[in-house]
Amino acid sequence: MMDAGLKAWAEIVRHVYPDLTILRDRTQWLAGNFDTPSVFIETDLVSDKVHTPRADRIVEDVGLVFHFDKERVTEEDEGEPIPFDLTPLFTYLRQQRFCYPSKRFGVALVIEPPRTRPEKDRIEVTFRYSYLLSVPKAPVPKINEFHIGYGKELNP
C-alpha cells in the first residue's frame, strides 16, 4: 500500500483535469511513448517513521511533469508548445487548504507549497507531502488452557 500517495495524486489530477492523460510508467515516459497534453507522476519516499503503534508517518516528494500540447493552427506556429495552465490545480489545492482526503485510497495528504520549474515543452511541479499509513495489528494467539503444576508431568 506504499503507492497510496501516488494513487491519491493521480486522483487529484483526474479531478482537476479530467481529460488529461496520466502516465505512471517511468520507462514509457523516458522513451517518449505518450501523447500530449499529458502529465507524468512520480513519487519518491523521503522518510517512513513510526507515528503511533498502529500508524506510520510517510513523507514523500511527488513530481508532476505537465507536457504541453503542440499548436498546429498555422504553418508558422506548427510545433510550438501551448503553455499549460496550472491555475486550476493550485486553486483546487488552496480550496482544500493543502490537505487532500482521499476517500478512495484511505489517506489524507498534507501538502507543502509547490516548487515549479518551467521548461520549453513542459512544466515540472514538485510537492513534499505526508500522510499516515495504518499498520495492521499483528494477531496474538489466544491462550485457552492453563496448566498449573510443580515438579510433575502434565497429561492433557
C-alpha atoms as a PDB file:
ATOM      1  CA  MET A   1       0.000   0.000   0.000  1.00  0.00           C
ATOM      2  CA  MET A   2       3.058   2.259  -0.224  1.00  0.00           C
ATOM      3  CA  ASP A   3       1.802   3.657  -3.534  1.00  0.00           C
ATOM      4  CA  ALA A   4      -1.241   5.235  -1.852  1.00  0.00           C
ATOM      5  CA  GLY A   5       0.308   8.679  -2.278  1.00  0.00           C
ATOM      6  CA  LEU A   6       0.869   8.135  -5.999  1.00  0.00           C
ATOM      7  CA  LYS A   7      -2.720   6.972  -6.457  1.00  0.00           C
ATOM      8  CA  ALA A   8      -4.059   9.928  -4.458  1.00  0.00           C
ATOM      9  CA  TRP A   9      -2.097  12.357  -6.670  1.00  0.00           C
ATOM     10  CA  ALA A  10      -3.491  10.679  -9.777  1.00  0.00           C
ATOM     11  CA  GLU A  11      -6.942  11.145  -8.223  1.00  0.00           C
ATOM     12  CA  ILE A  12      -6.265  14.877  -7.674  1.00  0.00           C
ATOM     13  CA  VAL A  13      -5.042  15.374 -11.251  1.00  0.00           C
ATOM     14  CA  ARG A  14      -8.017  13.391 -12.628  1.00  0.00           C
ATOM     15  CA  HIS A  15     -10.388  15.607 -10.597  1.00  0.00           C
ATOM     16  CA  VAL A  16      -8.845  18.892 -11.778  1.00  0.00           C
ATOM     17  CA  TYR A  17      -8.023  17.841 -15.381  1.00  0.00           C
ATOM     18  CA  PRO A  18     -10.468  15.053 -16.306  1.00  0.00           C
ATOM     19  CA  ASP A  19      -9.339  14.786 -19.960  1.00  0.00           C
ATOM     20  CA  LEU A  20      -5.581  14.768 -19.296  1.00  0.00           C
ATOM     21  CA  THR A  21      -3.607  11.568 -19.923  1.00  0.00           C
ATOM     22  CA  ILE A  22      -1.838  10.378 -16.755  1.00  0.00           C
ATOM     23  CA  LEU A  23       1.461   8.494 -17.063  1.00  0.00           C
ATOM     24  CA  ARG A  24       2.915   6.475 -14.196  1.00  0.00           C
ATOM     25  CA  ASP A  25       5.334   4.180 -16.054  1.00  0.00           C
ATOM     26  CA  ARG A  26       8.816   5.727 -15.986  1.00  0.00           C
ATOM     27  CA  THR A  27      10.203   3.668 -18.898  1.00  0.00           C
ATOM     28  CA  GLN A  28       7.306   4.678 -21.154  1.00  0.00           C
ATOM     29  CA  TRP A  29       7.787   8.322 -20.154  1.00  0.00           C
ATOM     30  CA  LEU A  30      11.551   8.298 -20.715  1.00  0.00           C
ATOM     31  CA  ALA A  31      11.064   6.652 -24.107  1.00  0.00           C
ATOM     32  CA  GLY A  32       8.606   9.413 -25.079  1.00  0.00           C
ATOM     33  CA  ASN A  33       5.813   6.928 -25.876  1.00  0.00           C
ATOM     34  CA  PHE A  34       2.884   9.171 -24.962  1.00  0.00           C
ATOM     35  CA  ASP A  35       0.540  11.731 -26.480  1.00  0.00           C
ATOM     36  CA  THR A  36       0.429  15.361 -25.409  1.00  0.00           C
ATOM     37  CA  PRO A  37      -1.015  17.002 -23.405  1.00  0.00           C
ATOM     38  CA  SER A  38      -0.244  14.642 -20.544  1.00  0.00           C
ATOM     39  CA  VAL A  39       1.184  14.520 -17.053  1.00  0.00           C
ATOM     40  CA  PHE A  40       3.802  12.152 -15.651  1.00  0.00           C
ATOM     41  CA  ILE A  41       3.524  11.449 -11.909  1.00  0.00           C
ATOM     42  CA  GLU A  42       6.349  10.011  -9.831  1.00  0.00           C
ATOM     43  CA  THR A  43       6.751   9.789  -6.059  1.00  0.00           C
ATOM     44  CA  ASP A  44       9.897   9.355  -4.009  1.00  0.00           C
ATOM     45  CA  LEU A  45       9.986   8.203  -0.382  1.00  0.00           C
ATOM     46  CA  VAL A  46      11.728  10.686   1.929  1.00  0.00           C
ATOM     47  CA  SER A  47      11.055   9.075   5.318  1.00  0.00           C
ATOM     48  CA  ASP A  48       8.954   6.401   6.976  1.00  0.00           C
ATOM     49  CA  LYS A  49       8.699   6.857  10.748  1.00  0.00           C
ATOM     50  CA  VAL A  50       6.585   5.237  13.425  1.00  0.00           C
ATOM     51  CA  HIS A  51       3.909   7.714  14.452  1.00  0.00           C
ATOM     52  CA  THR A  52       1.851   5.517  16.775  1.00  0.00           C
ATOM     53  CA  PRO A  53       1.848   1.745  17.340  1.00  0.00           C
ATOM     54  CA  ARG A  54      -0.864   1.467  14.681  1.00  0.00           C
ATOM     55  CA  ALA A  55       0.317   4.085  12.133  1.00  0.00           C
ATOM     56  CA  ASP A  56       3.451   5.204  10.301  1.00  0.00           C
ATOM     57  CA  ARG A  57       4.027   8.743   9.039  1.00  0.00           C
ATOM     58  CA  ILE A  58       5.136   8.628   5.414  1.00  0.00           C
ATOM     59  CA  VAL A  59       6.861  11.694   3.940  1.00  0.00           C
ATOM     60  CA  GLU A  60       7.265  11.702   0.158  1.00  0.00           C
ATOM     61  CA  ASP A  61       8.091  14.011  -2.702  1.00  0.00           C
ATOM     62  CA  VAL A  62       5.945  13.999  -5.817  1.00  0.00           C
ATOM     63  CA  GLY A  63       6.914  15.258  -9.226  1.00  0.00           C
ATOM     64  CA  LEU A  64       4.229  16.241 -11.709  1.00  0.00           C
ATOM     65  CA  VAL A  65       5.558  16.857 -15.221  1.00  0.00           C
ATOM     66  CA  PHE A  66       2.906  18.529 -17.377  1.00  0.00           C
ATOM     67  CA  HIS A  67       3.712  18.153 -21.090  1.00  0.00           C
ATOM     68  CA  PHE A  68       2.300  20.884 -23.316  1.00  0.00           C
ATOM     69  CA  ASP A  69       0.248  20.215 -26.423  1.00  0.00           C
ATOM     70  CA  LYS A  70       1.755  21.207 -29.767  1.00  0.00           C
ATOM     71  CA  GLU A  71      -0.057  24.050 -31.523  1.00  0.00           C
ATOM     72  CA  ARG A  72      -0.914  23.345 -35.186  1.00  0.00           C
ATOM     73  CA  VAL A  73      -3.069  26.320 -36.182  1.00  0.00           C
ATOM     74  CA  THR A  74      -0.897  27.764 -38.950  1.00  0.00           C
ATOM     75  CA  GLU A  75       2.323  26.646 -40.616  1.00  0.00           C
ATOM     76  CA  GLU A  76       4.354  29.277 -38.729  1.00  0.00           C
ATOM     77  CA  ASP A  77       3.093  28.015 -35.374  1.00  0.00           C
ATOM     78  CA  GLU A  78       3.426  24.311 -36.138  1.00  0.00           C
ATOM     79  CA  GLY A  79       5.337  22.546 -33.408  1.00  0.00           C
ATOM     80  CA  GLU A  80       5.092  25.448 -30.947  1.00  0.00           C
ATOM     81  CA  PRO A  81       4.018  24.296 -27.457  1.00  0.00           C
ATOM     82  CA  ILE A  82       0.794  25.606 -25.941  1.00  0.00           C
ATOM     83  CA  PRO A  83       1.560  26.579 -22.314  1.00  0.00           C
ATOM     84  CA  PHE A  84      -0.353  24.565 -19.724  1.00  0.00           C
ATOM     85  CA  ASP A  85      -2.497  26.456 -17.220  1.00  0.00           C
ATOM     86  CA  LEU A  86      -1.755  25.250 -13.682  1.00  0.00           C
ATOM     87  CA  THR A  87      -4.090  27.778 -12.046  1.00  0.00           C
ATOM     88  CA  PRO A  88      -6.938  25.230 -11.615  1.00  0.00           C
ATOM     89  CA  LEU A  89      -4.603  22.809  -9.800  1.00  0.00           C
ATOM     90  CA  PHE A  90      -3.231  25.436  -7.406  1.00  0.00           C
ATOM     91  CA  THR A  91      -6.700  26.893  -6.834  1.00  0.00           C
ATOM     92  CA  TYR A  92      -8.107  23.448  -6.020  1.00  0.00           C
ATOM     93  CA  LEU A  93      -5.282  22.733  -3.551  1.00  0.00           C
ATOM     94  CA  ARG A  94      -5.795  26.137  -1.905  1.00  0.00           C
ATOM     95  CA  GLN A  95      -9.521  25.423  -1.593  1.00  0.00           C
ATOM     96  CA  GLN A  96      -8.629  22.134   0.101  1.00  0.00           C
ATOM     97  CA  ARG A  97      -6.172  24.093   2.322  1.00  0.00           C
ATOM     98  CA  PHE A  98      -3.364  21.888   1.008  1.00  0.00           C
ATOM     99  CA  CYS A  99      -4.903  18.873   2.734  1.00  0.00           C
ATOM    100  CA  TYR A 100      -6.487  16.310   0.429  1.00  0.00           C
ATOM    101  CA  PRO A 101      -8.520  13.465   1.962  1.00  0.00           C
ATOM    102  CA  SER A 102      -8.745  10.589  -0.488  1.00  0.00           C
ATOM    103  CA  LYS A 103     -11.820   8.549   0.317  1.00  0.00           C
ATOM    104  CA  ARG A 104     -10.958   6.006  -2.349  1.00  0.00           C
ATOM    105  CA  PHE A 105      -7.469   5.166  -1.033  1.00  0.00           C
ATOM    106  CA  GLY A 106      -7.960   5.939   2.662  1.00  0.00           C
ATOM    107  CA  VAL A 107      -5.196   8.525   3.131  1.00  0.00           C
ATOM    108  CA  ALA A 108      -5.170  12.251   3.824  1.00  0.00           C
ATOM    109  CA  LEU A 109      -2.324  14.092   2.150  1.00  0.00           C
ATOM    110  CA  VAL A 110      -0.894  17.112   3.991  1.00  0.00           C
ATOM    111  CA  ILE A 111       0.794  19.080   1.204  1.00  0.00           C
ATOM    112  CA  GLU A 112       3.554  21.675   1.450  1.00  0.00           C
ATOM    113  CA  PRO A 113       3.748  24.616  -1.010  1.00  0.00           C
ATOM    114  CA  PRO A 114       4.895  23.681  -4.525  1.00  0.00           C
ATOM    115  CA  ARG A 115       8.069  24.384  -6.429  1.00  0.00           C
ATOM    116  CA  THR A 116       7.770  24.878 -10.189  1.00  0.00           C
ATOM    117  CA  ARG A 117      10.368  24.644 -12.929  1.00  0.00           C
ATOM    118  CA  PRO A 118       9.258  25.727 -16.415  1.00  0.00           C
ATOM    119  CA  GLU A 119      10.895  24.142 -19.458  1.00  0.00           C
ATOM    120  CA  LYS A 120      10.352  24.751 -23.176  1.00  0.00           C
ATOM    121  CA  ASP A 121       7.780  21.996 -23.747  1.00  0.00           C
ATOM    122  CA  ARG A 122       6.723  21.166 -20.179  1.00  0.00           C
ATOM    123  CA  ILE A 123       6.469  22.451 -16.620  1.00  0.00           C
ATOM    124  CA  GLU A 124       7.630  20.450 -13.627  1.00  0.00           C
ATOM    125  CA  VAL A 125       5.883  20.875 -10.289  1.00  0.00           C
ATOM    126  CA  THR A 126       7.181  19.239  -7.115  1.00  0.00           C
ATOM    127  CA  PHE A 127       5.458  18.948  -3.758  1.00  0.00           C
ATOM    128  CA  ARG A 128       6.510  17.447  -0.439  1.00  0.00           C
ATOM    129  CA  TYR A 129       3.626  15.840   1.382  1.00  0.00           C
ATOM    130  CA  SER A 130       2.954  13.461   4.241  1.00  0.00           C
ATOM    131  CA  TYR A 131       0.248  11.055   5.275  1.00  0.00           C
ATOM    132  CA  LEU A 132      -0.432   8.424   7.919  1.00  0.00           C
ATOM    133  CA  LEU A 133      -0.393   4.809   6.810  1.00  0.00           C
ATOM    134  CA  SER A 134      -2.202   2.316   9.002  1.00  0.00           C
ATOM    135  CA  VAL A 135      -0.137  -0.637  10.222  1.00  0.00           C
ATOM    136  CA  PRO A 136      -2.115  -3.866  10.566  1.00  0.00           C
ATOM    137  CA  LYS A 137      -2.248  -5.252  14.075  1.00  0.00           C
ATOM    138  CA  ALA A 138      -0.315  -8.497  14.446  1.00  0.00           C
ATOM    139  CA  PRO A 139      -2.571 -11.316  15.631  1.00  0.00           C
ATOM    140  CA  VAL A 140      -1.768 -12.501  19.154  1.00  0.00           C
ATOM    141  CA  PRO A 141      -2.511 -16.180  19.797  1.00  0.00           C
ATOM    142  CA  LYS A 142      -5.158 -16.696  22.444  1.00  0.00           C
ATOM    143  CA  ILE A 143      -4.410 -18.929  25.404  1.00  0.00           C
ATOM    144  CA  ASN A 144      -7.399 -21.148  26.145  1.00  0.00           C
ATOM    145  CA  GLU A 145      -5.875 -23.673  28.565  1.00  0.00           C
ATOM    146  CA  PHE A 146      -3.877 -23.129  31.694  1.00  0.00           C
ATOM    147  CA  HIS A 147      -2.000 -25.965  33.412  1.00  0.00           C
ATOM    148  CA  ILE A 148      -0.532 -25.438  36.809  1.00  0.00           C
ATOM    149  CA  GLY A 149       1.806 -27.949  38.312  1.00  0.00           C
ATOM    150  CA  TYR A 150       5.130 -28.155  40.015  1.00  0.00           C
ATOM    151  CA  GLY A 151       7.594 -30.950  39.581  1.00  0.00           C
ATOM    152  CA  LYS A 152       5.224 -33.389  37.890  1.00  0.00           C
ATOM    153  CA  GLU A 153       4.417 -34.184  34.298  1.00  0.00           C
ATOM    154  CA  LEU A 154       1.116 -32.960  32.866  1.00  0.00           C
ATOM    155  CA  ASN A 155      -1.142 -35.041  30.617  1.00  0.00           C
ATOM    156  CA  PRO A 156      -3.755 -33.004  28.766  1.00  0.00           C
END
